PDB file of N, CA and C in Angstrom:
ATOM      1  N   UNK A   1     139.305 100.679 114.006  1.00  0.00           N
ATOM      2  CA  UNK A   1     140.104 100.475 112.341  1.00  0.00           C
ATOM      3  C   UNK A   1     140.745  99.118 112.438  1.00  0.00           C
ATOM      4  N   UNK A   2     140.022  98.069 112.228  1.00  0.00           N
ATOM      5  CA  UNK A   2     140.363  96.512 112.022  1.00  0.00           C
ATOM      6  C   UNK A   2     139.933  96.149 110.745  1.00  0.00           C
ATOM      7  N   UNK A   3     140.782  95.477 109.947  1.00  0.00           N
ATOM      8  CA  UNK A   3     140.527  94.925 108.685  1.00  0.00           C
ATOM      9  C   UNK A   3     140.604  93.388 108.918  1.00  0.00           C
ATOM     10  N   UNK A   4     139.162  92.721 108.942  1.00  0.00           N
ATOM     11  CA  UNK A   4     139.163  91.520 108.970  1.00  0.00           C
ATOM     12  C   UNK A   4     138.728  90.555 108.092  1.00  0.00           C
ATOM     13  N   UNK A   5     139.126  89.541 107.770  1.00  0.00           N
ATOM     14  CA  UNK A   5     139.071  88.690 106.849  1.00  0.00           C
ATOM     15  C   UNK A   5     138.562  87.231 107.350  1.00  0.00           C
ATOM     16  N   UNK A   6     137.459  86.417 106.566  1.00  0.00           N
ATOM     17  CA  UNK A   6     136.845  85.178 106.770  1.00  0.00           C
ATOM     18  C   UNK A   6     135.756  85.436 107.878  1.00  0.00           C
ATOM     19  N   UNK A   7     135.037  84.557 107.977  1.00  0.00           N
ATOM     20  CA  UNK A   7     133.720  84.392 108.498  1.00  0.00           C
ATOM     21  C   UNK A   7     134.135  84.468 110.140  1.00  0.00           C
ATOM     22  N   UNK A   8     135.108  83.685 110.699  1.00  0.00           N
ATOM     23  CA  UNK A   8     135.545  83.285 111.906  1.00  0.00           C
ATOM     24  C   UNK A   8     136.156  84.678 112.796  1.00  0.00           C
ATOM     25  N   UNK A   9     136.839  85.510 112.004  1.00  0.00           N
ATOM     26  CA  UNK A   9     137.335  87.076 112.131  1.00  0.00           C
ATOM     27  C   UNK A   9     136.015  88.047 112.591  1.00  0.00           C
ATOM     28  N   UNK A  10     135.131  87.746 111.635  1.00  0.00           N
ATOM     29  CA  UNK A  10     133.869  88.674 111.576  1.00  0.00           C
ATOM     30  C   UNK A  10     132.846  88.314 112.532  1.00  0.00           C
ATOM     31  N   UNK A  11     132.893  87.031 112.890  1.00  0.00           N
ATOM     32  CA  UNK A  11     132.112  86.400 113.901  1.00  0.00           C
ATOM     33  C   UNK A  11     132.520  86.766 115.425  1.00  0.00           C
ATOM     34  N   UNK A  12     134.025  86.829 115.528  1.00  0.00           N
ATOM     35  CA  UNK A  12     134.588  86.884 116.764  1.00  0.00           C
ATOM     36  C   UNK A  12     134.180  88.123 117.038  1.00  0.00           C
ATOM     37  N   UNK A  13     134.517  89.113 115.891  1.00  0.00           N
ATOM     38  CA  UNK A  13     134.518  90.719 116.417  1.00  0.00           C
ATOM     39  C   UNK A  13     132.861  91.135 116.892  1.00  0.00           C
ATOM     40  N   UNK A  14     131.966  90.598 116.149  1.00  0.00           N
ATOM     41  CA  UNK A  14     130.776  90.804 116.603  1.00  0.00           C
ATOM     42  C   UNK A  14     130.332  90.223 117.978  1.00  0.00           C
ATOM     43  N   UNK A  15     130.636  89.017 118.500  1.00  0.00           N
ATOM     44  CA  UNK A  15     130.522  88.225 119.642  1.00  0.00           C
ATOM     45  C   UNK A  15     131.316  89.187 120.606  1.00  0.00           C
ATOM     46  N   UNK A  16     132.396  89.621 120.371  1.00  0.00           N
ATOM     47  CA  UNK A  16     133.104  90.439 121.366  1.00  0.00           C
ATOM     48  C   UNK A  16     132.337  91.617 121.771  1.00  0.00           C
ATOM     49  N   UNK A  17     131.533  92.384 120.940  1.00  0.00           N
ATOM     50  CA  UNK A  17     130.722  93.437 121.021  1.00  0.00           C
ATOM     51  C   UNK A  17     129.263  93.370 121.860  1.00  0.00           C
ATOM     52  N   UNK A  18     128.915  92.005 121.300  1.00  0.00           N
ATOM     53  CA  UNK A  18     127.592  91.557 121.974  1.00  0.00           C
ATOM     54  C   UNK A  18     127.813  90.942 123.480  1.00  0.00           C
ATOM     55  N   UNK A  19     129.248  90.538 123.660  1.00  0.00           N
ATOM     56  CA  UNK A  19     129.462  89.943 124.953  1.00  0.00           C
ATOM     57  C   UNK A  19     130.060  90.971 125.803  1.00  0.00           C
ATOM     58  N   UNK A  20     130.362  92.238 125.390  1.00  0.00           N
ATOM     59  CA  UNK A  20     130.656  93.390 126.333  1.00  0.00           C
ATOM     60  C   UNK A  20     129.114  93.977 126.766  1.00  0.00           C
ATOM     61  N   UNK A  21     128.381  93.538 125.990  1.00  0.00           N
ATOM     62  CA  UNK A  21     126.885  94.329 126.296  1.00  0.00           C
ATOM     63  C   UNK A  21     126.022  93.314 126.064  1.00  0.00           C
ATOM     64  N   UNK A  22     125.942  92.282 126.924  1.00  0.00           N
ATOM     65  CA  UNK A  22     125.145  90.783 126.860  1.00  0.00           C
ATOM     66  C   UNK A  22     123.593  91.411 126.697  1.00  0.00           C
ATOM     67  N   UNK A  23     122.954  92.241 127.493  1.00  0.00           N
ATOM     68  CA  UNK A  23     121.556  92.505 127.493  1.00  0.00           C
ATOM     69  C   UNK A  23     121.157  93.670 126.313  1.00  0.00           C
ATOM     70  N   UNK A  24     122.196  93.734 125.156  1.00  0.00           N
ATOM     71  CA  UNK A  24     121.867  94.454 124.009  1.00  0.00           C
ATOM     72  C   UNK A  24     120.323  94.415 123.535  1.00  0.00           C
ATOM     73  N   UNK A  25     120.019  95.520 123.176  1.00  0.00           N
ATOM     74  CA  UNK A  25     118.628  95.429 122.351  1.00  0.00           C
ATOM     75  C   UNK A  25     119.347  96.405 120.987  1.00  0.00           C
ATOM     76  N   UNK A  26     118.777  95.873 120.129  1.00  0.00           N
ATOM     77  CA  UNK A  26     119.141  96.651 118.832  1.00  0.00           C
ATOM     78  C   UNK A  26     117.901  97.263 118.030  1.00  0.00           C
ATOM     79  N   UNK A  27     118.070  98.259 117.679  1.00  0.00           N
ATOM     80  CA  UNK A  27     116.998  98.849 116.761  1.00  0.00           C
ATOM     81  C   UNK A  27     117.719  99.293 115.272  1.00  0.00           C
ATOM     82  N   UNK A  28     116.790  99.236 114.342  1.00  0.00           N
ATOM     83  CA  UNK A  28     117.284  99.385 113.001  1.00  0.00           C
ATOM     84  C   UNK A  28     116.179 100.605 112.496  1.00  0.00           C
ATOM     85  N   UNK A  29     116.952 101.908 112.364  1.00  0.00           N
ATOM     86  CA  UNK A  29     115.926 102.736 111.970  1.00  0.00           C
ATOM     87  C   UNK A  29     115.991 103.337 110.693  1.00  0.00           C
ATOM     88  N   UNK A  30     116.861 102.459 109.922  1.00  0.00           N
ATOM     89  CA  UNK A  30     117.117 102.869 108.443  1.00  0.00           C
ATOM     90  C   UNK A  30     117.769 101.518 107.688  1.00  0.00           C
ATOM     91  N   UNK A  31     117.118 101.316 106.414  1.00  0.00           N
ATOM     92  CA  UNK A  31     117.982 100.150 105.561  1.00  0.00           C
ATOM     93  C   UNK A  31     117.664 100.484 104.234  1.00  0.00           C
ATOM     94  N   UNK A  32     118.662 100.554 103.556  1.00  0.00           N
ATOM     95  CA  UNK A  32     118.641 100.956 102.022  1.00  0.00           C
ATOM     96  C   UNK A  32     119.191  99.877 101.181  1.00  0.00           C
ATOM     97  N   UNK A  33     119.021  99.668  99.816  1.00  0.00           N
ATOM     98  CA  UNK A  33     119.470  98.815  99.188  1.00  0.00           C
ATOM     99  C   UNK A  33     119.718  99.137  97.542  1.00  0.00           C
ATOM    100  N   UNK A  34     120.590  98.595  97.029  1.00  0.00           N
ATOM    101  CA  UNK A  34     120.543  99.147  95.402  1.00  0.00           C
ATOM    102  C   UNK A  34     121.544  98.115  94.812  1.00  0.00           C
ATOM    103  N   UNK A  35     120.883  97.746  93.556  1.00  0.00           N
ATOM    104  CA  UNK A  35     121.980  96.908  92.635  1.00  0.00           C
ATOM    105  C   UNK A  35     123.161  97.431  92.595  1.00  0.00           C
ATOM    106  N   UNK A  36     124.093  96.474  92.470  1.00  0.00           N
ATOM    107  CA  UNK A  36     125.498  96.691  92.180  1.00  0.00           C
ATOM    108  C   UNK A  36     126.304  96.250  90.985  1.00  0.00           C
ATOM    109  N   UNK A  37     127.218  97.023  90.537  1.00  0.00           N
ATOM    110  CA  UNK A  37     127.611  96.821  89.183  1.00  0.00           C
ATOM    111  C   UNK A  37     128.464  95.513  89.009  1.00  0.00           C
ATOM    112  N   UNK A  38     128.969  94.954  90.510  1.00  0.00           N
ATOM    113  CA  UNK A  38     129.679  94.085  90.259  1.00  0.00           C
ATOM    114  C   UNK A  38     128.869  92.730  90.352  1.00  0.00           C
ATOM    115  N   UNK A  39     127.704  92.782  90.265  1.00  0.00           N
ATOM    116  CA  UNK A  39     126.636  91.658  90.493  1.00  0.00           C
ATOM    117  C   UNK A  39     126.208  91.599  92.235  1.00  0.00           C
ATOM    118  N   UNK A  40     124.530  91.438  92.271  1.00  0.00           N
ATOM    119  CA  UNK A  40     124.113  91.415  93.723  1.00  0.00           C
ATOM    120  C   UNK A  40     123.666  92.486  94.084  1.00  0.00           C
ATOM    121  N   UNK A  41     123.501  92.752  95.382  1.00  0.00           N
ATOM    122  CA  UNK A  41     122.946  93.945  95.794  1.00  0.00           C
ATOM    123  C   UNK A  41     123.672  94.639  96.958  1.00  0.00           C
ATOM    124  N   UNK A  42     123.910  95.854  97.093  1.00  0.00           N
ATOM    125  CA  UNK A  42     124.380  96.270  98.307  1.00  0.00           C
ATOM    126  C   UNK A  42     123.392  96.858  99.119  1.00  0.00           C
ATOM    127  N   UNK A  43     123.608  96.561 100.325  1.00  0.00           N
ATOM    128  CA  UNK A  43     122.431  97.054 101.546  1.00  0.00           C
ATOM    129  C   UNK A  43     123.291  97.660 102.703  1.00  0.00           C
ATOM    130  N   UNK A  44     122.607  99.036 103.122  1.00  0.00           N
ATOM    131  CA  UNK A  44     123.066  99.768 104.426  1.00  0.00           C
ATOM    132  C   UNK A  44     121.938  99.633 105.113  1.00  0.00           C
ATOM    133  N   UNK A  45     122.591  99.527 106.365  1.00  0.00           N
ATOM    134  CA  UNK A  45     121.748  99.342 107.467  1.00  0.00           C
ATOM    135  C   UNK A  45     122.390 100.307 108.650  1.00  0.00           C
ATOM    136  N   UNK A  46     121.389 101.304 108.928  1.00  0.00           N
ATOM    137  CA  UNK A  46     121.843 102.089 110.190  1.00  0.00           C
ATOM    138  C   UNK A  46     121.474 101.406 111.564  1.00  0.00           C
ATOM    139  N   UNK A  47     122.062 101.277 112.406  1.00  0.00           N
ATOM    140  CA  UNK A  47     121.727 100.716 113.705  1.00  0.00           C
ATOM    141  C   UNK A  47     121.789 101.251 115.106  1.00  0.00           C
ATOM    142  N   UNK A  48     121.268 101.076 115.875  1.00  0.00           N
ATOM    143  CA  UNK A  48     121.592 101.644 117.335  1.00  0.00           C
ATOM    144  C   UNK A  48     121.586 100.448 118.281  1.00  0.00           C
ATOM    145  N   UNK A  49     122.484 100.173 119.297  1.00  0.00           N
ATOM    146  CA  UNK A  49     122.569  99.258 120.350  1.00  0.00           C
ATOM    147  C   UNK A  49     122.551  99.943 121.582  1.00  0.00           C
ATOM    148  N   UNK A  50     121.602  99.420 122.448  1.00  0.00           N
ATOM    149  CA  UNK A  50     121.535 100.014 123.783  1.00  0.00           C
ATOM    150  C   UNK A  50     121.546  98.650 124.628  1.00  0.00           C
ATOM    151  N   UNK A  51     122.490  99.076 125.648  1.00  0.00           N
ATOM    152  CA  UNK A  51     122.506  97.972 127.037  1.00  0.00           C
ATOM    153  C   UNK A  51     123.541  98.343 127.917  1.00  0.00           C
ATOM    154  N   UNK A  52     123.654  97.627 128.710  1.00  0.00           N
ATOM    155  CA  UNK A  52     124.952  97.808 129.693  1.00  0.00           C
ATOM    156  C   UNK A  52     126.144  96.922 129.661  1.00  0.00           C
ATOM    157  N   UNK A  53     127.100  97.961 130.024  1.00  0.00           N
ATOM    158  CA  UNK A  53     128.532  97.222 129.990  1.00  0.00           C
ATOM    159  C   UNK A  53     128.828  96.323 131.231  1.00  0.00           C
ATOM    160  N   UNK A  54     128.163  94.921 130.729  1.00  0.00           N
ATOM    161  CA  UNK A  54     128.067  94.137 131.947  1.00  0.00           C
ATOM    162  C   UNK A  54     129.668  93.165 131.676  1.00  0.00           C
ATOM    163  N   UNK A  55     130.232  93.216 130.665  1.00  0.00           N
ATOM    164  CA  UNK A  55     131.454  92.653 130.534  1.00  0.00           C
ATOM    165  C   UNK A  55     131.900  91.585 129.831  1.00  0.00           C
ATOM    166  N   UNK A  56     132.573  90.443 130.396  1.00  0.00           N
ATOM    167  CA  UNK A  56     133.335  89.402 129.724  1.00  0.00           C
ATOM    168  C   UNK A  56     134.515  89.577 129.153  1.00  0.00           C
ATOM    169  N   UNK A  57     134.881  90.996 129.191  1.00  0.00           N
ATOM    170  CA  UNK A  57     136.009  91.284 128.708  1.00  0.00           C
ATOM    171  C   UNK A  57     136.511  90.564 127.505  1.00  0.00           C
ATOM    172  N   UNK A  58     135.425  90.363 126.441  1.00  0.00           N
ATOM    173  CA  UNK A  58     135.846  89.965 125.013  1.00  0.00           C
ATOM    174  C   UNK A  58     136.629  90.933 124.328  1.00  0.00           C
ATOM    175  N   UNK A  59     136.128  92.452 124.257  1.00  0.00           N
ATOM    176  CA  UNK A  59     136.776  93.422 123.760  1.00  0.00           C
ATOM    177  C   UNK A  59     137.901  94.312 125.073  1.00  0.00           C
ATOM    178  N   UNK A  60     138.954  93.809 124.884  1.00  0.00           N
ATOM    179  CA  UNK A  60     139.645  94.151 126.019  1.00  0.00           C
ATOM    180  C   UNK A  60     140.032  95.625 126.167  1.00  0.00           C
ATOM    181  N   UNK A  61     139.804  96.178 125.204  1.00  0.00           N
ATOM    182  CA  UNK A  61     139.756  97.814 125.205  1.00  0.00           C
ATOM    183  C   UNK A  61     138.916  98.219 126.002  1.00  0.00           C
ATOM    184  N   UNK A  62     137.865  97.693 126.321  1.00  0.00           N
ATOM    185  CA  UNK A  62     136.454  98.197 127.251  1.00  0.00           C
ATOM    186  C   UNK A  62     136.926  98.233 128.536  1.00  0.00           C
ATOM    187  N   UNK A  63     137.860  97.404 129.092  1.00  0.00           N
ATOM    188  CA  UNK A  63     138.207  97.199 130.342  1.00  0.00           C
ATOM    189  C   UNK A  63     137.025  96.305 131.101  1.00  0.00           C
ATOM    190  N   UNK A  64     137.309  96.254 132.451  1.00  0.00           N
ATOM    191  CA  UNK A  64     136.244  95.868 133.493  1.00  0.00           C
ATOM    192  C   UNK A  64     134.656  96.085 133.145  1.00  0.00           C
ATOM    193  N   UNK A  65     134.052  94.998 133.458  1.00  0.00           N
ATOM    194  CA  UNK A  65     132.506  95.776 133.344  1.00  0.00           C
ATOM    195  C   UNK A  65     132.119  96.784 134.275  1.00  0.00           C
ATOM    196  N   UNK A  66     131.515  97.683 133.869  1.00  0.00           N
ATOM    197  CA  UNK A  66     131.040  98.845 134.754  1.00  0.00           C
ATOM    198  C   UNK A  66     129.552  99.025 135.384  1.00  0.00           C
ATOM    199  N   UNK A  67     128.972  98.171 134.524  1.00  0.00           N
ATOM    200  CA  UNK A  67     127.482  98.407 134.447  1.00  0.00           C
ATOM    201  C   UNK A  67     127.005  99.415 133.950  1.00  0.00           C
ATOM    202  N   UNK A  68     127.770 100.267 133.254  1.00  0.00           N
ATOM    203  CA  UNK A  68     127.482 101.352 132.560  1.00  0.00           C
ATOM    204  C   UNK A  68     126.264 101.428 131.524  1.00  0.00           C
ATOM    205  N   UNK A  69     125.218 102.273 131.515  1.00  0.00           N
ATOM    206  CA  UNK A  69     124.554 102.177 130.315  1.00  0.00           C
ATOM    207  C   UNK A  69     124.991 102.838 129.198  1.00  0.00           C
ATOM    208  N   UNK A  70     124.934 102.151 128.055  1.00  0.00           N
ATOM    209  CA  UNK A  70     125.748 102.471 126.770  1.00  0.00           C
ATOM    210  C   UNK A  70     124.533 102.465 125.830  1.00  0.00           C
ATOM    211  N   UNK A  71     125.112 103.608 124.662  1.00  0.00           N
ATOM    212  CA  UNK A  71     124.265 103.504 123.513  1.00  0.00           C
ATOM    213  C   UNK A  71     125.383 103.429 122.620  1.00  0.00           C
ATOM    214  N   UNK A  72     125.137 102.620 121.508  1.00  0.00           N
ATOM    215  CA  UNK A  72     126.034 102.581 120.109  1.00  0.00           C
ATOM    216  C   UNK A  72     125.434 102.865 119.004  1.00  0.00           C
ATOM    217  N   UNK A  73     125.994 103.679 118.210  1.00  0.00           N
ATOM    218  CA  UNK A  73     125.222 103.921 116.874  1.00  0.00           C
ATOM    219  C   UNK A  73     126.261 103.295 115.810  1.00  0.00           C
ATOM    220  N   UNK A  74     125.638 102.967 114.742  1.00  0.00           N
ATOM    221  CA  UNK A  74     126.572 102.244 113.786  1.00  0.00           C
ATOM    222  C   UNK A  74     125.898 101.967 112.537  1.00  0.00           C
ATOM    223  N   UNK A  75     126.768 101.652 111.587  1.00  0.00           N
ATOM    224  CA  UNK A  75     126.427 101.624 110.209  1.00  0.00           C
ATOM    225  C   UNK A  75     126.929 100.150 109.454  1.00  0.00           C
ATOM    226  N   UNK A  76     126.082  99.476 109.080  1.00  0.00           N
ATOM    227  CA  UNK A  76     126.863  98.449 108.228  1.00  0.00           C
ATOM    228  C   UNK A  76     126.385  98.364 106.688  1.00  0.00           C
ATOM    229  N   UNK A  77     127.376  98.174 105.918  1.00  0.00           N
ATOM    230  CA  UNK A  77     127.100  97.802 104.682  1.00  0.00           C
ATOM    231  C   UNK A  77     127.652  96.531 104.240  1.00  0.00           C
ATOM    232  N   UNK A  78     126.388  95.701 103.652  1.00  0.00           N
ATOM    233  CA  UNK A  78     126.400  94.658 102.827  1.00  0.00           C
ATOM    234  C   UNK A  78     126.843  94.567 101.243  1.00  0.00           C
ATOM    235  N   UNK A  79     127.302  93.366 100.927  1.00  0.00           N
ATOM    236  CA  UNK A  79     127.402  93.299  99.558  1.00  0.00           C
ATOM    237  C   UNK A  79     126.870  91.722  99.374  1.00  0.00           C
ATOM    238  N   UNK A  80     125.464  91.704  98.986  1.00  0.00           N
ATOM    239  CA  UNK A  80     124.706  90.267  98.664  1.00  0.00           C
ATOM    240  C   UNK A  80     125.225  89.761  97.155  1.00  0.00           C
ATOM    241  N   UNK A  81     125.606  88.462  97.329  1.00  0.00           N
ATOM    242  CA  UNK A  81     125.761  88.181  96.001  1.00  0.00           C
ATOM    243  C   UNK A  81     125.358  86.845  96.041  1.00  0.00           C
ATOM    244  N   UNK A  82     124.663  85.949  95.055  1.00  0.00           N
ATOM    245  CA  UNK A  82     124.316  84.458  94.998  1.00  0.00           C
ATOM    246  C   UNK A  82     123.775  84.120  96.356  1.00  0.00           C
ATOM    247  N   UNK A  83     122.865  84.957  97.129  1.00  0.00           N
ATOM    248  CA  UNK A  83     122.610  84.296  98.195  1.00  0.00           C
ATOM    249  C   UNK A  83     123.390  84.429  99.446  1.00  0.00           C
ATOM    250  N   UNK A  84     124.398  85.282  99.251  1.00  0.00           N
ATOM    251  CA  UNK A  84     125.654  84.987 100.528  1.00  0.00           C
ATOM    252  C   UNK A  84     126.135  86.406 100.770  1.00  0.00           C
ATOM    253  N   UNK A  85     126.474  86.651 101.723  1.00  0.00           N
ATOM    254  CA  UNK A  85     127.083  88.003 102.069  1.00  0.00           C
ATOM    255  C   UNK A  85     128.551  87.586 101.810  1.00  0.00           C
ATOM    256  N   UNK A  86     129.107  88.609 100.602  1.00  0.00           N
ATOM    257  CA  UNK A  86     130.578  88.582  99.986  1.00  0.00           C
ATOM    258  C   UNK A  86     131.467  89.395 100.597  1.00  0.00           C
ATOM    259  N   UNK A  87     130.742  90.562 101.293  1.00  0.00           N
ATOM    260  CA  UNK A  87     131.563  91.499 101.840  1.00  0.00           C
ATOM    261  C   UNK A  87     131.114  92.419 103.145  1.00  0.00           C
ATOM    262  N   UNK A  88     131.494  92.940 103.767  1.00  0.00           N
ATOM    263  CA  UNK A  88     130.642  93.364 104.921  1.00  0.00           C
ATOM    264  C   UNK A  88     131.514  94.728 105.480  1.00  0.00           C
ATOM    265  N   UNK A  89     131.157  95.931 105.670  1.00  0.00           N
ATOM    266  CA  UNK A  89     131.760  96.894 106.189  1.00  0.00           C
ATOM    267  C   UNK A  89     131.066  97.352 107.315  1.00  0.00           C
ATOM    268  N   UNK A  90     131.503  97.735 108.462  1.00  0.00           N
ATOM    269  CA  UNK A  90     130.878  97.776 109.803  1.00  0.00           C
ATOM    270  C   UNK A  90     131.847  98.939 110.561  1.00  0.00           C
ATOM    271  N   UNK A  91     131.000 100.010 110.923  1.00  0.00           N
ATOM    272  CA  UNK A  91     131.426 101.217 111.625  1.00  0.00           C
ATOM    273  C   UNK A  91     130.307 101.445 112.688  1.00  0.00           C
ATOM    274  N   UNK A  92     131.302 101.724 113.847  1.00  0.00           N
ATOM    275  CA  UNK A  92     130.317 101.985 114.946  1.00  0.00           C
ATOM    276  C   UNK A  92     131.262 102.912 115.789  1.00  0.00           C
ATOM    277  N   UNK A  93     130.746 104.029 116.718  1.00  0.00           N
ATOM    278  CA  UNK A  93     131.385 104.959 117.266  1.00  0.00           C
ATOM    279  C   UNK A  93     132.065 104.738 118.400  1.00  0.00           C
ATOM    280  N   UNK A  94     133.013 103.770 118.321  1.00  0.00           N
ATOM    281  CA  UNK A  94     133.766 103.175 119.489  1.00  0.00           C
ATOM    282  C   UNK A  94     134.342 104.034 120.463  1.00  0.00           C
ATOM    283  N   UNK A  95     134.693 105.412 120.195  1.00  0.00           N
ATOM    284  CA  UNK A  95     135.099 106.470 120.916  1.00  0.00           C
ATOM    285  C   UNK A  95     134.006 106.782 121.966  1.00  0.00           C
ATOM    286  N   UNK A  96     132.704 107.000 121.260  1.00  0.00           N
ATOM    287  CA  UNK A  96     131.535 107.642 122.216  1.00  0.00           C
ATOM    288  C   UNK A  96     131.230 106.384 123.244  1.00  0.00           C
ATOM    289  N   UNK A  97     131.414 105.041 122.733  1.00  0.00           N
ATOM    290  CA  UNK A  97     131.355 103.978 123.709  1.00  0.00           C
ATOM    291  C   UNK A  97     132.211 103.863 124.938  1.00  0.00           C
ATOM    292  N   UNK A  98     133.546 104.012 124.580  1.00  0.00           N
ATOM    293  CA  UNK A  98     134.770 104.214 125.345  1.00  0.00           C
ATOM    294  C   UNK A  98     134.487 105.397 126.751  1.00  0.00           C
ATOM    295  N   UNK A  99     133.940 106.171 126.030  1.00  0.00           N
ATOM    296  CA  UNK A  99     133.610 107.713 126.937  1.00  0.00           C
ATOM    297  C   UNK A  99     132.604 107.126 127.852  1.00  0.00           C
ATOM    298  N   UNK A 100     131.484 106.686 127.274  1.00  0.00           N
ATOM    299  CA  UNK A 100     130.240 106.518 128.026  1.00  0.00           C
ATOM    300  C   UNK A 100     130.823 105.361 129.200  1.00  0.00           C
ATOM    301  N   UNK A 101     131.626 104.460 129.189  1.00  0.00           N
ATOM    302  CA  UNK A 101     131.955 103.448 130.042  1.00  0.00           C
ATOM    303  C   UNK A 101     132.961 104.320 130.919  1.00  0.00           C
ATOM    304  N   UNK A 102     134.044 104.921 130.587  1.00  0.00           N
ATOM    305  CA  UNK A 102     134.933 105.549 131.410  1.00  0.00           C
ATOM    306  C   UNK A 102     134.277 106.643 132.094  1.00  0.00           C
ATOM    307  N   UNK A 103     133.158 107.331 131.781  1.00  0.00           N
ATOM    308  CA  UNK A 103     132.565 108.256 132.652  1.00  0.00           C
ATOM    309  C   UNK A 103     131.919 107.638 133.913  1.00  0.00           C
ATOM    310  N   UNK A 104     131.319 106.516 133.488  1.00  0.00           N
ATOM    311  CA  UNK A 104     130.717 105.903 134.339  1.00  0.00           C
ATOM    312  C   UNK A 104     131.537 105.546 135.693  1.00  0.00           C
ATOM    313  N   UNK A 105     132.810 104.938 135.258  1.00  0.00           N
ATOM    314  CA  UNK A 105     133.770 104.331 136.203  1.00  0.00           C
ATOM    315  C   UNK A 105     134.203 105.794 136.974  1.00  0.00           C
ATOM    316  N   UNK A 106     134.205 107.103 136.328  1.00  0.00           N
ATOM    317  CA  UNK A 106     134.667 108.261 137.157  1.00  0.00           C
ATOM    318  C   UNK A 106     133.734 108.434 138.180  1.00  0.00           C
ATOM    319  N   UNK A 107     132.457 108.424 137.766  1.00  0.00           N
ATOM    320  CA  UNK A 107     131.378 109.138 138.558  1.00  0.00           C
ATOM    321  C   UNK A 107     131.464 108.079 139.973  1.00  0.00           C
ATOM    322  N   UNK A 108     131.608 106.914 139.981  1.00  0.00           N
ATOM    323  CA  UNK A 108     131.737 105.779 140.800  1.00  0.00           C
ATOM    324  C   UNK A 108     132.713 105.984 142.070  1.00  0.00           C
ATOM    325  N   UNK A 109     134.013 106.581 141.250  1.00  0.00           N
ATOM    326  CA  UNK A 109     135.341 107.165 141.896  1.00  0.00           C
ATOM    327  C   UNK A 109     134.802 108.247 142.989  1.00  0.00           C
ATOM    328  N   UNK A 110     134.090 109.050 142.654  1.00  0.00           N
ATOM    329  CA  UNK A 110     133.841 110.432 142.849  1.00  0.00           C
ATOM    330  C   UNK A 110     133.183 110.297 144.237  1.00  0.00           C
TER     331      UNK A 110
END
């Protein structure tokens, strides 16, 4: 639930997720678009990211690297205008990601 402004903030957030799962593979099962009343086009992208929690602690809430295999489902909406992204809304299931990581950690302890 973060509100980010500017290219640097959005880039940092994306790099944090990719840095936490550096072997990530992305799949895009669905894309749709529609003209926008404000001008430009709005595009919705449903995506799935799979890989291993190998770390770098960029997203501190994920904790130390566990090696857990993780699958993250998300949706990104873009507003393109004059050839540029002017707005981006990004949502992914962070609770599921944390659960996958923590369950692997518990299994190693047991």
